[in-house]
Structures are given as C-alpha cells and as structure tokens.
Amino acid sequence: MVDRQLRRRGIGDERVLAAMEAVPRELFVPEEIRGRAYADAALPIGSEQTISQPWIVAAICQALELRGHETVLEVGGGSGYSAAILATLSERVISIERLPELAAAARDSLARAGLDERVEVIVADGSLGHDDSAPYEAIAVHAAVPEPPPTLLRQLAPGGRLVAPVGDGRAEALTLFTRRRHDAKTFATHRIAPCRFVPLIGAEGFRER
C-alpha cells in the first residue's frame, strides 16, 4: 500500500508514510471484508458510511503538516482509522461522529490498536466542531461540505490548517484552508485533488435526507 498507492501518487511526507505503515487498517473494517482492507478504494463500514481509500487519508494528513505536538479535531470519525493515523502523527485527537453505533465501533477498534488513550470519540454534530478544546492546530473533515463550516473555521488557531472535501454532493474537491497568522480573519486556499465523500449531515453541512 505504502509503495504502490501512496509514494507513487505523490505522498512524500515520511512521517505520514510511517504512520500509514504502522496502523493496521484491517482492524477498522468489518471482518467479512478484511481481505480487502488495503485495497486502493473506499470500503463500506455499515450505516451507509465508508472508510476512505488509503491515498485520501494520507493526502489529508500530508496537507495538515503535523509534527507531533498538535491537538487535532476530526469531523466524521467513521471507522476510527483516520483518527488512528492522526493520533500517530499528533499529540491528541478529538474525533466527532454523528452515529452512535459507528462511534462505539471506532472506540473498540482504537483500543485494539492501542490508540484509545490519544483519541477522544464524541457523538455530536461535527459541522459545529467541539468548542471545549478549541482552538485546533489542525482540523480534518472526512465528509463533504457545501462550503467550509464557519464554526470550524472559527475554531482553527492562527496558522492552523483545515482540510475538507468541498462540493455539491455530486463532485467535490479536497481543499486546504490555512488561517493566516498576520490576519486571523482570512484564509489561504489550496485545491489538493478531486474526490468523492459521503455528505456531512449537520447544522452547517447538508440536511439529512
């Protein structure tokens, strides 16, 4: 996975590559599809949700430029796999998941991976973030948003980086937003790659169907 899917497609951050190699992805997918855990594809995890393909997880982490001291907010925790990678790269992760059954499964998987003490999984509306631990040096959004949620942008520290798939629910672009240090009210924007995600349901996301 690391050599064929990640290095060949432009993932060059050695810390990210080491984290992707170290975390056992098979712990975060349903038992019946564990033979496909390292496939270059998103996989179903139940409740009409998916675990993102490895490249997407690596691309988000690379764009966040984590160095090990950060508190990271993750929105759309899903299986817990991305939180596990983020926890390997940072000091602390707050992971928000809307569906209680997925949050419970993620906690179990993180415990089996030995990362449960570094990740707090919260059941809530992820589009509103988690103000109690703000501001965050990095925010990773793992569900599509029509535009970057204003509350998440407000919870980003000066110089902090937020990555989110932005689009209309049919086609999205994985996008990096960096809060400027000299003018905290403005953000630099960089488009990373086209992508497809399930929608972020919430007050500042999409309405539930």
C-alpha atoms as a PDB file:
ATOM      1  CA  MET A   1       0.000   0.000   0.000  1.00  0.00           C
ATOM      2  CA  VAL A   2       2.680   2.492   1.021  1.00  0.00           C
ATOM      3  CA  ASP A   3       4.871   1.952  -2.034  1.00  0.00           C
ATOM      4  CA  ARG A   4       2.267   1.276  -4.706  1.00  0.00           C
ATOM      5  CA  GLN A   5      -0.599   3.535  -3.677  1.00  0.00           C
ATOM      6  CA  LEU A   6       0.996   6.353  -1.707  1.00  0.00           C
ATOM      7  CA  ARG A   7       4.573   7.047  -2.806  1.00  0.00           C
ATOM      8  CA  ARG A   8       3.707   6.609  -6.481  1.00  0.00           C
ATOM      9  CA  ARG A   9       0.874   9.130  -6.170  1.00  0.00           C
ATOM     10  CA  GLY A  10       2.852  11.915  -4.546  1.00  0.00           C
ATOM     11  CA  ILE A  11       2.738  11.239  -0.814  1.00  0.00           C
ATOM     12  CA  GLY A  12       6.243  12.194   0.270  1.00  0.00           C
ATOM     13  CA  ASP A  13       5.894  13.066   3.964  1.00  0.00           C
ATOM     14  CA  GLU A  14       7.886  10.290   5.648  1.00  0.00           C
ATOM     15  CA  ARG A  15       6.021  10.704   8.935  1.00  0.00           C
ATOM     16  CA  VAL A  16       2.723  10.149   7.151  1.00  0.00           C
ATOM     17  CA  LEU A  17       4.074   7.130   5.282  1.00  0.00           C
ATOM     18  CA  ALA A  18       5.401   5.627   8.522  1.00  0.00           C
ATOM     19  CA  ALA A  19       2.024   6.133  10.229  1.00  0.00           C
ATOM     20  CA  MET A  20       0.169   4.528   7.330  1.00  0.00           C
ATOM     21  CA  GLU A  21       2.540   1.570   7.545  1.00  0.00           C
ATOM     22  CA  ALA A  22       2.266   1.254  11.323  1.00  0.00           C
ATOM     23  CA  VAL A  23      -1.526   1.360  11.826  1.00  0.00           C
ATOM     24  CA  PRO A  24      -3.233  -1.976  10.999  1.00  0.00           C
ATOM     25  CA  ARG A  25      -6.035  -0.922   8.652  1.00  0.00           C
ATOM     26  CA  GLU A  26      -7.709  -4.334   8.906  1.00  0.00           C
ATOM     27  CA  LEU A  27      -8.773  -3.517  12.493  1.00  0.00           C
ATOM     28  CA  PHE A  28     -11.029  -0.760  11.179  1.00  0.00           C
ATOM     29  CA  VAL A  29     -13.049  -2.615   8.524  1.00  0.00           C
ATOM     30  CA  PRO A  30     -15.809  -5.204   9.013  1.00  0.00           C
ATOM     31  CA  GLU A  31     -14.497  -8.724   9.488  1.00  0.00           C
ATOM     32  CA  GLU A  32     -16.141 -10.031   6.320  1.00  0.00           C
ATOM     33  CA  ILE A  33     -14.125  -7.655   4.083  1.00  0.00           C
ATOM     34  CA  ARG A  34     -10.792  -7.616   5.917  1.00  0.00           C
ATOM     35  CA  GLY A  35      -9.175  -9.321   2.958  1.00  0.00           C
ATOM     36  CA  ARG A  36      -9.755  -6.059   1.048  1.00  0.00           C
ATOM     37  CA  ALA A  37      -8.541  -3.758   3.833  1.00  0.00           C
ATOM     38  CA  TYR A  38      -5.540  -2.468   1.853  1.00  0.00           C
ATOM     39  CA  ALA A  39      -7.310  -2.104  -1.481  1.00  0.00           C
ATOM     40  CA  ASP A  40      -6.995   1.232  -3.274  1.00  0.00           C
ATOM     41  CA  ALA A  41     -10.673   2.013  -2.662  1.00  0.00           C
ATOM     42  CA  ALA A  42     -13.191   3.218  -0.126  1.00  0.00           C
ATOM     43  CA  LEU A  43     -14.908   0.344   1.679  1.00  0.00           C
ATOM     44  CA  PRO A  44     -18.313   0.067   3.403  1.00  0.00           C
ATOM     45  CA  ILE A  45     -18.335   0.074   7.204  1.00  0.00           C
ATOM     46  CA  GLY A  46     -22.095  -0.033   7.776  1.00  0.00           C
ATOM     47  CA  SER A  47     -24.781   2.612   8.322  1.00  0.00           C
ATOM     48  CA  GLU A  48     -24.273   3.732   4.679  1.00  0.00           C
ATOM     49  CA  GLN A  49     -20.809   5.063   5.579  1.00  0.00           C
ATOM     50  CA  THR A  50     -17.340   4.216   4.267  1.00  0.00           C
ATOM     51  CA  ILE A  51     -13.684   4.107   5.261  1.00  0.00           C
ATOM     52  CA  SER A  52     -11.774   6.349   2.855  1.00  0.00           C
ATOM     53  CA  GLN A  53      -9.228   4.895   0.467  1.00  0.00           C
ATOM     54  CA  PRO A  54      -5.672   4.977   1.857  1.00  0.00           C
ATOM     55  CA  TRP A  55      -4.485   7.725  -0.504  1.00  0.00           C
ATOM     56  CA  ILE A  56      -7.203  10.117   0.636  1.00  0.00           C
ATOM     57  CA  VAL A  57      -6.306   9.587   4.301  1.00  0.00           C
ATOM     58  CA  ALA A  58      -2.617  10.109   3.543  1.00  0.00           C
ATOM     59  CA  ALA A  59      -3.289  13.206   1.405  1.00  0.00           C
ATOM     60  CA  ILE A  60      -5.305  14.833   4.198  1.00  0.00           C
ATOM     61  CA  CYS A  61      -2.609  14.086   6.763  1.00  0.00           C
ATOM     62  CA  GLN A  62       0.150  15.326   4.481  1.00  0.00           C
ATOM     63  CA  ALA A  63      -1.692  18.603   3.865  1.00  0.00           C
ATOM     64  CA  LEU A  64      -2.115  19.152   7.615  1.00  0.00           C
ATOM     65  CA  GLU A  65       1.690  19.060   8.063  1.00  0.00           C
ATOM     66  CA  LEU A  66       1.511  17.554  11.554  1.00  0.00           C
ATOM     67  CA  ARG A  67       4.720  17.471  13.588  1.00  0.00           C
ATOM     68  CA  GLY A  68       3.618  15.731  16.783  1.00  0.00           C
ATOM     69  CA  HIS A  69       2.595  18.483  19.207  1.00  0.00           C
ATOM     70  CA  GLU A  70      -0.827  19.370  17.800  1.00  0.00           C
ATOM     71  CA  THR A  71      -4.370  18.962  19.076  1.00  0.00           C
ATOM     72  CA  VAL A  72      -6.383  17.822  16.057  1.00  0.00           C
ATOM     73  CA  LEU A  73     -10.129  17.934  15.508  1.00  0.00           C
ATOM     74  CA  GLU A  74     -11.522  15.249  13.227  1.00  0.00           C
ATOM     75  CA  VAL A  75     -15.041  15.579  11.814  1.00  0.00           C
ATOM     76  CA  GLY A  76     -16.736  12.445  10.524  1.00  0.00           C
ATOM     77  CA  GLY A  77     -14.832   9.845  12.526  1.00  0.00           C
ATOM     78  CA  GLY A  78     -16.439   6.812  10.888  1.00  0.00           C
ATOM     79  CA  SER A  79     -14.423   3.652  11.497  1.00  0.00           C
ATOM     80  CA  GLY A  80     -11.749   5.373  13.578  1.00  0.00           C
ATOM     81  CA  TYR A  81      -8.980   4.624  11.063  1.00  0.00           C
ATOM     82  CA  SER A  82      -8.231   8.222  10.137  1.00  0.00           C
ATOM     83  CA  ALA A  83      -8.252   9.154  13.824  1.00  0.00           C
ATOM     84  CA  ALA A  84      -5.688   6.396  14.422  1.00  0.00           C
ATOM     85  CA  ILE A  85      -3.397   7.820  11.732  1.00  0.00           C
ATOM     86  CA  LEU A  86      -3.861  11.367  13.059  1.00  0.00           C
ATOM     87  CA  ALA A  87      -3.123  10.198  16.617  1.00  0.00           C
ATOM     88  CA  THR A  88       0.113   8.623  15.424  1.00  0.00           C
ATOM     89  CA  LEU A  89       1.121  11.988  13.949  1.00  0.00           C
ATOM     90  CA  SER A  90      -0.052  14.376  16.689  1.00  0.00           C
ATOM     91  CA  GLU A  91      -0.442  14.703  20.450  1.00  0.00           C
ATOM     92  CA  ARG A  92      -4.223  14.464  20.795  1.00  0.00           C
ATOM     93  CA  VAL A  93      -7.252  13.877  18.569  1.00  0.00           C
ATOM     94  CA  ILE A  94     -10.876  14.838  19.190  1.00  0.00           C
ATOM     95  CA  SER A  95     -12.952  12.750  16.778  1.00  0.00           C
ATOM     96  CA  ILE A  96     -16.609  13.608  16.222  1.00  0.00           C
ATOM     97  CA  GLU A  97     -19.022  11.039  14.782  1.00  0.00           C
ATOM     98  CA  ARG A  98     -22.742  11.620  14.278  1.00  0.00           C
ATOM     99  CA  LEU A  99     -23.825   7.959  14.504  1.00  0.00           C
ATOM    100  CA  PRO A 100     -23.536   6.308  17.953  1.00  0.00           C
ATOM    101  CA  GLU A 101     -23.067   2.803  16.543  1.00  0.00           C
ATOM    102  CA  LEU A 102     -20.070   3.872  14.467  1.00  0.00           C
ATOM    103  CA  ALA A 103     -18.590   5.817  17.376  1.00  0.00           C
ATOM    104  CA  ALA A 104     -18.814   2.728  19.596  1.00  0.00           C
ATOM    105  CA  ALA A 105     -17.171   0.543  16.947  1.00  0.00           C
ATOM    106  CA  ALA A 106     -14.431   3.153  16.429  1.00  0.00           C
ATOM    107  CA  ARG A 107     -13.648   3.201  20.157  1.00  0.00           C
ATOM    108  CA  ASP A 108     -13.290  -0.591  20.136  1.00  0.00           C
ATOM    109  CA  SER A 109     -11.005  -0.546  17.085  1.00  0.00           C
ATOM    110  CA  LEU A 110      -8.855   2.241  18.523  1.00  0.00           C
ATOM    111  CA  ALA A 111      -8.497   0.257  21.755  1.00  0.00           C
ATOM    112  CA  ARG A 112      -7.369  -2.830  19.821  1.00  0.00           C
ATOM    113  CA  ALA A 113      -4.827  -0.646  18.015  1.00  0.00           C
ATOM    114  CA  GLY A 114      -3.559   0.714  21.346  1.00  0.00           C
ATOM    115  CA  LEU A 115      -4.508   4.297  20.477  1.00  0.00           C
ATOM    116  CA  ASP A 116      -7.630   4.844  22.571  1.00  0.00           C
ATOM    117  CA  GLU A 117      -5.822   6.998  25.161  1.00  0.00           C
ATOM    118  CA  ARG A 118      -4.851   9.517  22.471  1.00  0.00           C
ATOM    119  CA  VAL A 119      -8.254   9.761  20.766  1.00  0.00           C
ATOM    120  CA  GLU A 120     -11.488  11.000  22.299  1.00  0.00           C
ATOM    121  CA  VAL A 121     -14.524   9.925  20.256  1.00  0.00           C
ATOM    122  CA  ILE A 122     -17.565  12.163  20.709  1.00  0.00           C
ATOM    123  CA  VAL A 123     -21.095  11.686  19.340  1.00  0.00           C
ATOM    124  CA  ALA A 124     -22.260  15.096  18.097  1.00  0.00           C
ATOM    125  CA  ASP A 125     -22.904  17.300  15.078  1.00  0.00           C
ATOM    126  CA  GLY A 126     -19.414  17.521  13.609  1.00  0.00           C
ATOM    127  CA  SER A 127     -20.205  20.566  11.498  1.00  0.00           C
ATOM    128  CA  LEU A 128     -20.286  22.568  14.747  1.00  0.00           C
ATOM    129  CA  GLY A 129     -16.911  21.277  15.903  1.00  0.00           C
ATOM    130  CA  HIS A 130     -16.051  20.974  19.601  1.00  0.00           C
ATOM    131  CA  ASP A 131     -15.518  24.320  21.221  1.00  0.00           C
ATOM    132  CA  ASP A 132     -14.325  22.918  24.566  1.00  0.00           C
ATOM    133  CA  SER A 133     -10.888  22.001  23.170  1.00  0.00           C
ATOM    134  CA  ALA A 134     -10.540  24.813  20.611  1.00  0.00           C
ATOM    135  CA  PRO A 135      -8.537  26.315  19.066  1.00  0.00           C
ATOM    136  CA  TYR A 136      -7.069  23.484  16.994  1.00  0.00           C
ATOM    137  CA  GLU A 137      -3.817  23.486  15.075  1.00  0.00           C
ATOM    138  CA  ALA A 138      -5.401  21.142  12.539  1.00  0.00           C
ATOM    139  CA  ILE A 139      -8.910  20.085  11.524  1.00  0.00           C
ATOM    140  CA  ALA A 140      -9.644  17.130   9.227  1.00  0.00           C
ATOM    141  CA  VAL A 141     -13.142  16.857   7.757  1.00  0.00           C
ATOM    142  CA  HIS A 142     -13.961  13.405   6.379  1.00  0.00           C
ATOM    143  CA  ALA A 143     -17.339  14.190   4.814  1.00  0.00           C
ATOM    144  CA  ALA A 144     -18.350  16.529   2.009  1.00  0.00           C
ATOM    145  CA  VAL A 145     -19.459  20.061   2.862  1.00  0.00           C
ATOM    146  CA  PRO A 146     -21.163  22.622   0.593  1.00  0.00           C
ATOM    147  CA  GLU A 147     -18.700  25.200   1.946  1.00  0.00           C
ATOM    148  CA  PRO A 148     -16.269  25.225   4.864  1.00  0.00           C
ATOM    149  CA  PRO A 149     -18.428  25.374   8.029  1.00  0.00           C
ATOM    150  CA  PRO A 150     -17.951  28.809   9.633  1.00  0.00           C
ATOM    151  CA  THR A 151     -17.822  27.346  13.132  1.00  0.00           C
ATOM    152  CA  LEU A 152     -14.957  25.027  12.186  1.00  0.00           C
ATOM    153  CA  LEU A 153     -13.027  27.912  10.674  1.00  0.00           C
ATOM    154  CA  ARG A 154     -13.513  29.915  13.868  1.00  0.00           C
ATOM    155  CA  GLN A 155     -12.142  27.011  15.921  1.00  0.00           C
ATOM    156  CA  LEU A 156      -8.922  26.913  13.876  1.00  0.00           C
ATOM    157  CA  ALA A 157      -5.868  28.500  15.512  1.00  0.00           C
ATOM    158  CA  PRO A 158      -3.902  31.237  13.692  1.00  0.00           C
ATOM    159  CA  GLY A 159      -1.607  29.437  11.278  1.00  0.00           C
ATOM    160  CA  GLY A 160      -3.782  26.323  11.601  1.00  0.00           C
ATOM    161  CA  ARG A 161      -4.809  24.145   8.676  1.00  0.00           C
ATOM    162  CA  LEU A 162      -8.205  22.667   7.803  1.00  0.00           C
ATOM    163  CA  VAL A 163      -8.735  20.086   5.074  1.00  0.00           C
ATOM    164  CA  ALA A 164     -12.225  19.321   3.785  1.00  0.00           C
ATOM    165  CA  PRO A 165     -13.909  17.937   0.660  1.00  0.00           C
ATOM    166  CA  VAL A 166     -15.937  20.864  -0.649  1.00  0.00           C
ATOM    167  CA  GLY A 167     -18.668  20.455  -3.250  1.00  0.00           C
ATOM    168  CA  ASP A 168     -22.312  19.949  -4.032  1.00  0.00           C
ATOM    169  CA  GLY A 169     -22.666  16.299  -3.011  1.00  0.00           C
ATOM    170  CA  ARG A 170     -22.055  15.029  -6.554  1.00  0.00           C
ATOM    171  CA  ALA A 171     -18.421  16.064  -7.035  1.00  0.00           C
ATOM    172  CA  GLU A 172     -16.027  17.512  -4.507  1.00  0.00           C
ATOM    173  CA  ALA A 173     -12.506  18.872  -4.309  1.00  0.00           C
ATOM    174  CA  LEU A 174     -10.285  18.074  -1.355  1.00  0.00           C
ATOM    175  CA  THR A 175      -9.290  21.578  -0.240  1.00  0.00           C
ATOM    176  CA  LEU A 176      -6.817  23.023   2.253  1.00  0.00           C
ATOM    177  CA  PHE A 177      -7.687  26.187   4.197  1.00  0.00           C
ATOM    178  CA  THR A 178      -4.865  27.855   6.156  1.00  0.00           C
ATOM    179  CA  ARG A 179      -5.689  30.557   8.683  1.00  0.00           C
ATOM    180  CA  ARG A 180      -3.258  33.425   8.210  1.00  0.00           C
ATOM    181  CA  ARG A 181      -1.134  34.365  11.210  1.00  0.00           C
ATOM    182  CA  HIS A 182      -0.959  38.092  10.472  1.00  0.00           C
ATOM    183  CA  ASP A 183      -4.683  38.381   9.710  1.00  0.00           C
ATOM    184  CA  ALA A 184      -6.635  35.657  11.520  1.00  0.00           C
ATOM    185  CA  LYS A 185      -9.865  36.627   9.756  1.00  0.00           C
ATOM    186  CA  THR A 186      -8.583  35.489   6.364  1.00  0.00           C
ATOM    187  CA  PHE A 187      -7.629  32.112   4.914  1.00  0.00           C
ATOM    188  CA  ALA A 188      -5.356  30.914   2.146  1.00  0.00           C
ATOM    189  CA  THR A 189      -6.963  28.212  -0.021  1.00  0.00           C
ATOM    190  CA  HIS A 190      -5.330  25.382  -1.958  1.00  0.00           C
ATOM    191  CA  ARG A 191      -7.121  22.719  -4.001  1.00  0.00           C
ATOM    192  CA  ILE A 192      -5.498  19.310  -3.458  1.00  0.00           C
ATOM    193  CA  ALA A 193      -7.427  16.869  -5.670  1.00  0.00           C
ATOM    194  CA  PRO A 194     -10.894  15.829  -6.860  1.00  0.00           C
ATOM    195  CA  CYS A 195     -12.618  13.362  -4.540  1.00  0.00           C
ATOM    196  CA  ARG A 196     -15.911  11.764  -3.529  1.00  0.00           C
ATOM    197  CA  PHE A 197     -17.201  11.615   0.051  1.00  0.00           C
ATOM    198  CA  VAL A 198     -20.462  10.937   1.820  1.00  0.00           C
ATOM    199  CA  PRO A 199     -22.135  14.233   2.821  1.00  0.00           C
ATOM    200  CA  LEU A 200     -21.584  15.861   6.198  1.00  0.00           C
ATOM    201  CA  ILE A 201     -25.016  15.971   7.832  1.00  0.00           C
ATOM    202  CA  GLY A 202     -25.455  18.818  10.287  1.00  0.00           C
ATOM    203  CA  ALA A 203     -26.400  22.395  11.030  1.00  0.00           C
ATOM    204  CA  GLU A 204     -23.564  23.727   8.849  1.00  0.00           C
ATOM    205  CA  GLY A 205     -23.461  20.821   6.410  1.00  0.00           C
ATOM    206  CA  PHE A 206     -26.133  19.083   4.381  1.00  0.00           C
ATOM    207  CA  ARG A 207     -29.648  18.312   5.575  1.00  0.00           C
ATOM    208  CA  GLU A 208     -30.463  14.712   6.399  1.00  0.00           C
ATOM    209  CA  ARG A 209     -32.276  13.004   3.544  1.00  0.00           C
END
